[in-house]
Amino acid sequence: MDCLFCKIIEGTIPSKAVYSDDRAYAFSDINPQAPVHFLVVPREHIKSTAEAAEDHAELLGYLLLTGAKIAREKGLAKGYRVVINTGPDGGQTVDHLHVHILGGRHCTWPPG
């Protein structure tokens, strides 16, 4: 498969790992938009939330809970932003579902 995030997960493309288990991998964003910015991705290749199926419901929840756990460990007690971009109009640039966690500063609204 020619997926950037699949290659990062398998270790053929280097990344700064933040968390890893048998279902998810988290790593620092290469172009951070906040002092703390990491991605949580499923090890299973799912193109986007638009491509997710009913049987992915538990995994999607697990990704969010994993992001929250890492955010706590990184000291983001005052809050953080969770973003899932879907499709080109939604700002998704890599066709592998991923959850952005951004924090370490006040987040403004609207985001973009």
N, C-alpha and C. Protein backbone atom coordinates (compact mmCIF):
# COMPACT_ATOMS: atom_id res chain seq x y z
N MET A 1 0.85 -1.18 0.00
CA MET A 1 0.00 0.00 0.00
C MET A 1 0.89 1.25 0.00
N ASP A 2 0.47 2.24 -0.72
CA ASP A 2 1.26 3.46 -0.85
C ASP A 2 0.67 4.57 0.04
N CYS A 3 0.48 4.27 1.32
CA CYS A 3 -0.10 5.23 2.25
C CYS A 3 0.99 5.74 3.18
N LEU A 4 1.13 7.06 3.25
CA LEU A 4 2.14 7.69 4.09
C LEU A 4 2.03 7.24 5.55
N PHE A 5 0.82 7.27 6.10
CA PHE A 5 0.67 6.92 7.51
C PHE A 5 0.87 5.43 7.75
N CYS A 6 0.50 4.58 6.81
CA CYS A 6 0.78 3.14 6.95
C CYS A 6 2.29 2.92 7.01
N LYS A 7 3.05 3.67 6.20
CA LYS A 7 4.51 3.55 6.21
C LYS A 7 5.09 4.07 7.53
N ILE A 8 4.50 5.13 8.07
CA ILE A 8 4.95 5.64 9.38
C ILE A 8 4.66 4.60 10.46
N ILE A 9 3.48 4.02 10.43
CA ILE A 9 3.10 3.01 11.42
C ILE A 9 4.04 1.81 11.36
N GLU A 10 4.38 1.36 10.15
CA GLU A 10 5.27 0.20 10.03
C GLU A 10 6.74 0.53 10.25
N GLY A 11 7.07 1.82 10.33
CA GLY A 11 8.43 2.24 10.65
C GLY A 11 9.33 2.46 9.46
N THR A 12 8.81 2.38 8.24
CA THR A 12 9.65 2.62 7.06
C THR A 12 9.86 4.11 6.81
N ILE A 13 8.99 4.94 7.39
CA ILE A 13 9.18 6.39 7.38
C ILE A 13 9.29 6.80 8.84
N PRO A 14 10.35 7.51 9.22
CA PRO A 14 10.53 7.86 10.64
C PRO A 14 9.48 8.86 11.13
N SER A 15 9.22 8.77 12.42
CA SER A 15 8.31 9.70 13.08
C SER A 15 8.74 9.81 14.53
N LYS A 16 8.24 10.84 15.19
CA LYS A 16 8.49 11.01 16.62
C LYS A 16 7.30 10.40 17.36
N ALA A 17 7.45 9.15 17.75
CA ALA A 17 6.36 8.43 18.40
C ALA A 17 5.98 9.07 19.73
N VAL A 18 4.69 9.10 19.98
CA VAL A 18 4.14 9.61 21.23
C VAL A 18 3.47 8.47 22.00
N TYR A 19 2.91 7.50 21.26
CA TYR A 19 2.19 6.39 21.86
C TYR A 19 2.07 5.28 20.82
N SER A 20 2.04 4.04 21.31
CA SER A 20 1.87 2.91 20.40
C SER A 20 1.27 1.74 21.14
N ASP A 21 0.29 1.10 20.52
CA ASP A 21 -0.24 -0.17 21.01
C ASP A 21 -0.72 -0.97 19.81
N ASP A 22 -1.45 -2.03 20.04
CA ASP A 22 -1.84 -2.90 18.93
C ASP A 22 -2.96 -2.33 18.06
N ARG A 23 -3.63 -1.25 18.50
CA ARG A 23 -4.72 -0.66 17.71
C ARG A 23 -4.43 0.73 17.18
N ALA A 24 -3.54 1.45 17.85
CA ALA A 24 -3.31 2.85 17.49
C ALA A 24 -1.84 3.21 17.58
N TYR A 25 -1.49 4.25 16.82
CA TYR A 25 -0.14 4.80 16.86
C TYR A 25 -0.30 6.31 16.88
N ALA A 26 0.43 6.98 17.75
CA ALA A 26 0.37 8.43 17.83
C ALA A 26 1.77 9.00 17.65
N PHE A 27 1.85 10.10 16.92
CA PHE A 27 3.14 10.72 16.65
C PHE A 27 2.99 12.22 16.49
N SER A 28 4.08 12.93 16.71
CA SER A 28 4.09 14.39 16.59
C SER A 28 3.84 14.80 15.15
N ASP A 29 3.04 15.85 14.97
CA ASP A 29 2.78 16.37 13.63
C ASP A 29 4.05 17.00 13.08
N ILE A 30 4.35 16.75 11.83
CA ILE A 30 5.57 17.27 11.20
C ILE A 30 5.49 18.79 10.98
N ASN A 31 4.27 19.33 10.95
CA ASN A 31 4.05 20.76 10.75
C ASN A 31 3.10 21.26 11.85
N PRO A 32 3.59 21.34 13.09
CA PRO A 32 2.69 21.63 14.22
C PRO A 32 2.03 23.01 14.11
N GLN A 33 0.74 23.02 14.46
CA GLN A 33 -0.05 24.25 14.43
C GLN A 33 -0.32 24.78 15.84
N ALA A 34 0.28 24.14 16.84
CA ALA A 34 0.17 24.54 18.24
C ALA A 34 1.40 24.01 18.96
N PRO A 35 1.69 24.52 20.16
CA PRO A 35 2.85 24.01 20.90
C PRO A 35 2.84 22.50 21.09
N VAL A 36 1.65 21.93 21.29
CA VAL A 36 1.49 20.48 21.33
C VAL A 36 0.57 20.12 20.17
N HIS A 37 1.05 19.28 19.25
CA HIS A 37 0.24 18.86 18.11
C HIS A 37 0.69 17.47 17.72
N PHE A 38 -0.18 16.51 17.98
CA PHE A 38 0.13 15.14 17.59
C PHE A 38 -1.08 14.52 16.91
N LEU A 39 -0.82 13.42 16.21
CA LEU A 39 -1.86 12.69 15.49
C LEU A 39 -2.03 11.32 16.12
N VAL A 40 -3.26 10.88 16.20
CA VAL A 40 -3.56 9.51 16.63
C VAL A 40 -4.19 8.82 15.43
N VAL A 41 -3.57 7.72 14.99
CA VAL A 41 -4.04 7.01 13.80
C VAL A 41 -4.32 5.55 14.14
N PRO A 42 -5.32 4.97 13.50
CA PRO A 42 -5.55 3.54 13.69
C PRO A 42 -4.50 2.75 12.90
N ARG A 43 -4.08 1.64 13.44
CA ARG A 43 -3.16 0.77 12.69
C ARG A 43 -3.86 0.18 11.47
N GLU A 44 -5.15 -0.01 11.58
CA GLU A 44 -5.93 -0.48 10.43
C GLU A 44 -6.09 0.69 9.45
N HIS A 45 -5.87 0.42 8.17
CA HIS A 45 -6.04 1.49 7.19
C HIS A 45 -7.52 1.73 6.94
N ILE A 46 -7.97 2.91 7.34
CA ILE A 46 -9.31 3.40 7.04
C ILE A 46 -9.09 4.76 6.40
N LYS A 47 -9.61 4.95 5.22
CA LYS A 47 -9.33 6.18 4.47
C LYS A 47 -9.78 7.44 5.20
N SER A 48 -10.98 7.45 5.75
CA SER A 48 -11.50 8.65 6.43
C SER A 48 -12.74 8.26 7.22
N THR A 49 -13.30 9.20 7.96
CA THR A 49 -14.55 8.91 8.66
C THR A 49 -15.67 8.60 7.67
N ALA A 50 -15.59 9.17 6.47
CA ALA A 50 -16.60 8.89 5.44
C ALA A 50 -16.54 7.44 4.98
N GLU A 51 -15.39 6.81 5.13
CA GLU A 51 -15.21 5.42 4.71
C GLU A 51 -15.37 4.44 5.88
N ALA A 52 -15.47 4.95 7.09
CA ALA A 52 -15.61 4.09 8.26
C ALA A 52 -16.96 3.38 8.23
N ALA A 53 -16.97 2.17 8.77
CA ALA A 53 -18.18 1.36 8.80
C ALA A 53 -18.65 1.18 10.24
N GLU A 54 -19.85 0.62 10.38
CA GLU A 54 -20.41 0.35 11.71
C GLU A 54 -19.45 -0.42 12.59
N ASP A 55 -18.73 -1.37 12.00
CA ASP A 55 -17.82 -2.19 12.82
C ASP A 55 -16.57 -1.43 13.25
N HIS A 56 -16.41 -0.17 12.83
CA HIS A 56 -15.30 0.66 13.27
C HIS A 56 -15.67 1.54 14.47
N ALA A 57 -16.92 1.47 14.93
CA ALA A 57 -17.39 2.36 16.00
C ALA A 57 -16.51 2.29 17.25
N GLU A 58 -16.19 1.10 17.69
CA GLU A 58 -15.38 0.95 18.91
C GLU A 58 -13.99 1.52 18.68
N LEU A 59 -13.40 1.28 17.52
CA LEU A 59 -12.07 1.79 17.20
C LEU A 59 -12.06 3.32 17.16
N LEU A 60 -13.09 3.92 16.59
CA LEU A 60 -13.16 5.38 16.53
C LEU A 60 -13.20 5.97 17.94
N GLY A 61 -13.99 5.37 18.81
CA GLY A 61 -14.02 5.82 20.20
C GLY A 61 -12.68 5.62 20.88
N TYR A 62 -12.03 4.52 20.58
CA TYR A 62 -10.72 4.23 21.16
C TYR A 62 -9.69 5.29 20.76
N LEU A 63 -9.74 5.74 19.51
CA LEU A 63 -8.80 6.78 19.05
C LEU A 63 -9.00 8.07 19.85
N LEU A 64 -10.26 8.45 20.09
CA LEU A 64 -10.54 9.66 20.86
C LEU A 64 -10.07 9.51 22.31
N LEU A 65 -10.34 8.38 22.92
CA LEU A 65 -9.91 8.15 24.30
C LEU A 65 -8.39 8.10 24.42
N THR A 66 -7.74 7.54 23.41
CA THR A 66 -6.27 7.50 23.40
C THR A 66 -5.71 8.91 23.30
N GLY A 67 -6.30 9.74 22.44
CA GLY A 67 -5.88 11.13 22.33
C GLY A 67 -6.04 11.87 23.65
N ALA A 68 -7.15 11.63 24.35
CA ALA A 68 -7.39 12.28 25.65
C ALA A 68 -6.36 11.82 26.68
N LYS A 69 -6.04 10.55 26.67
CA LYS A 69 -5.04 10.01 27.60
C LYS A 69 -3.68 10.67 27.38
N ILE A 70 -3.28 10.77 26.12
CA ILE A 70 -1.99 11.38 25.79
C ILE A 70 -2.01 12.87 26.16
N ALA A 71 -3.13 13.55 25.89
CA ALA A 71 -3.26 14.97 26.23
C ALA A 71 -3.07 15.19 27.73
N ARG A 72 -3.67 14.32 28.54
CA ARG A 72 -3.48 14.42 30.00
C ARG A 72 -2.01 14.24 30.35
N GLU A 73 -1.37 13.24 29.75
CA GLU A 73 0.05 12.98 30.02
C GLU A 73 0.93 14.15 29.61
N LYS A 74 0.50 14.92 28.60
CA LYS A 74 1.26 16.06 28.13
C LYS A 74 0.90 17.35 28.87
N GLY A 75 0.06 17.24 29.89
CA GLY A 75 -0.25 18.39 30.74
C GLY A 75 -1.25 19.37 30.15
N LEU A 76 -2.12 18.92 29.28
CA LEU A 76 -3.08 19.82 28.64
C LEU A 76 -4.37 19.93 29.46
N ALA A 77 -4.23 20.12 30.77
CA ALA A 77 -5.37 20.17 31.68
C ALA A 77 -6.31 21.34 31.40
N LYS A 78 -5.80 22.42 30.82
CA LYS A 78 -6.64 23.59 30.54
C LYS A 78 -7.46 23.41 29.26
N GLY A 79 -7.18 22.36 28.51
CA GLY A 79 -7.95 22.08 27.31
C GLY A 79 -7.09 21.86 26.08
N TYR A 80 -7.75 21.39 25.05
CA TYR A 80 -7.09 21.11 23.77
C TYR A 80 -8.18 20.98 22.72
N ARG A 81 -7.78 20.97 21.48
CA ARG A 81 -8.71 20.83 20.37
C ARG A 81 -8.52 19.46 19.73
N VAL A 82 -9.63 18.84 19.37
CA VAL A 82 -9.64 17.56 18.66
C VAL A 82 -10.20 17.82 17.27
N VAL A 83 -9.45 17.44 16.23
CA VAL A 83 -9.87 17.71 14.86
C VAL A 83 -9.73 16.43 14.03
N ILE A 84 -10.77 16.12 13.27
CA ILE A 84 -10.70 15.05 12.28
C ILE A 84 -11.14 15.65 10.96
N ASN A 85 -10.20 15.86 10.06
CA ASN A 85 -10.51 16.38 8.74
C ASN A 85 -10.97 15.21 7.87
N THR A 86 -12.01 15.45 7.05
CA THR A 86 -12.54 14.39 6.19
C THR A 86 -12.68 14.91 4.77
N GLY A 87 -11.95 14.28 3.85
CA GLY A 87 -12.02 14.63 2.44
C GLY A 87 -11.30 15.92 2.11
N PRO A 88 -11.13 16.17 0.82
CA PRO A 88 -10.38 17.35 0.38
C PRO A 88 -10.99 18.68 0.85
N ASP A 89 -12.31 18.80 0.80
CA ASP A 89 -12.94 20.05 1.25
C ASP A 89 -12.87 20.20 2.76
N GLY A 90 -12.70 19.11 3.48
CA GLY A 90 -12.56 19.16 4.92
C GLY A 90 -11.13 19.35 5.37
N GLY A 91 -10.19 19.45 4.42
CA GLY A 91 -8.80 19.70 4.75
C GLY A 91 -7.95 18.45 4.95
N GLN A 92 -8.49 17.27 4.63
CA GLN A 92 -7.72 16.03 4.79
C GLN A 92 -6.68 15.95 3.68
N THR A 93 -5.41 15.82 4.06
CA THR A 93 -4.33 15.76 3.07
C THR A 93 -3.68 14.38 2.97
N VAL A 94 -3.93 13.51 3.94
CA VAL A 94 -3.44 12.13 3.90
C VAL A 94 -4.66 11.22 4.00
N ASP A 95 -4.81 10.31 3.04
CA ASP A 95 -5.97 9.43 3.01
C ASP A 95 -5.81 8.24 3.94
N HIS A 96 -5.68 8.56 5.22
CA HIS A 96 -5.68 7.57 6.31
C HIS A 96 -6.28 8.32 7.48
N LEU A 97 -7.37 7.82 8.01
CA LEU A 97 -8.05 8.47 9.13
C LEU A 97 -7.04 8.86 10.20
N HIS A 98 -7.13 10.08 10.69
CA HIS A 98 -6.25 10.51 11.77
C HIS A 98 -6.92 11.61 12.59
N VAL A 99 -6.63 11.57 13.88
CA VAL A 99 -7.18 12.53 14.83
C VAL A 99 -6.06 13.48 15.23
N HIS A 100 -6.27 14.78 14.99
CA HIS A 100 -5.32 15.80 15.44
C HIS A 100 -5.67 16.19 16.87
N ILE A 101 -4.68 16.28 17.73
CA ILE A 101 -4.85 16.84 19.07
C ILE A 101 -3.91 18.04 19.14
N LEU A 102 -4.49 19.23 19.38
CA LEU A 102 -3.73 20.47 19.43
C LEU A 102 -3.96 21.16 20.77
N GLY A 103 -2.88 21.61 21.40
CA GLY A 103 -3.02 22.28 22.68
C GLY A 103 -1.77 23.04 23.06
N GLY A 104 -1.76 23.50 24.29
CA GLY A 104 -0.62 24.26 24.77
C GLY A 104 -0.76 25.75 24.55
N ARG A 105 -1.91 26.18 24.06
CA ARG A 105 -2.23 27.60 23.87
C ARG A 105 -3.75 27.71 23.80
N HIS A 106 -4.26 28.93 23.90
CA HIS A 106 -5.69 29.17 23.75
C HIS A 106 -6.07 28.98 22.29
N CYS A 107 -7.07 28.17 22.04
CA CYS A 107 -7.56 27.95 20.67
C CYS A 107 -8.72 28.91 20.40
N THR A 108 -8.67 29.58 19.28
CA THR A 108 -9.72 30.54 18.93
C THR A 108 -10.78 29.85 18.05
N TRP A 109 -11.91 30.55 17.89
CA TRP A 109 -12.99 30.04 17.07
C TRP A 109 -13.50 31.16 16.20
N PRO A 110 -13.80 30.99 14.95
CA PRO A 110 -13.76 29.72 14.24
C PRO A 110 -12.33 29.33 13.87
N PRO A 111 -12.09 28.03 13.68
CA PRO A 111 -10.73 27.57 13.42
C PRO A 111 -10.26 27.79 11.99
N GLY A 112 -11.11 27.93 11.02
CA GLY A 112 -10.59 28.07 9.67
C GLY A 112 -11.58 28.10 8.64
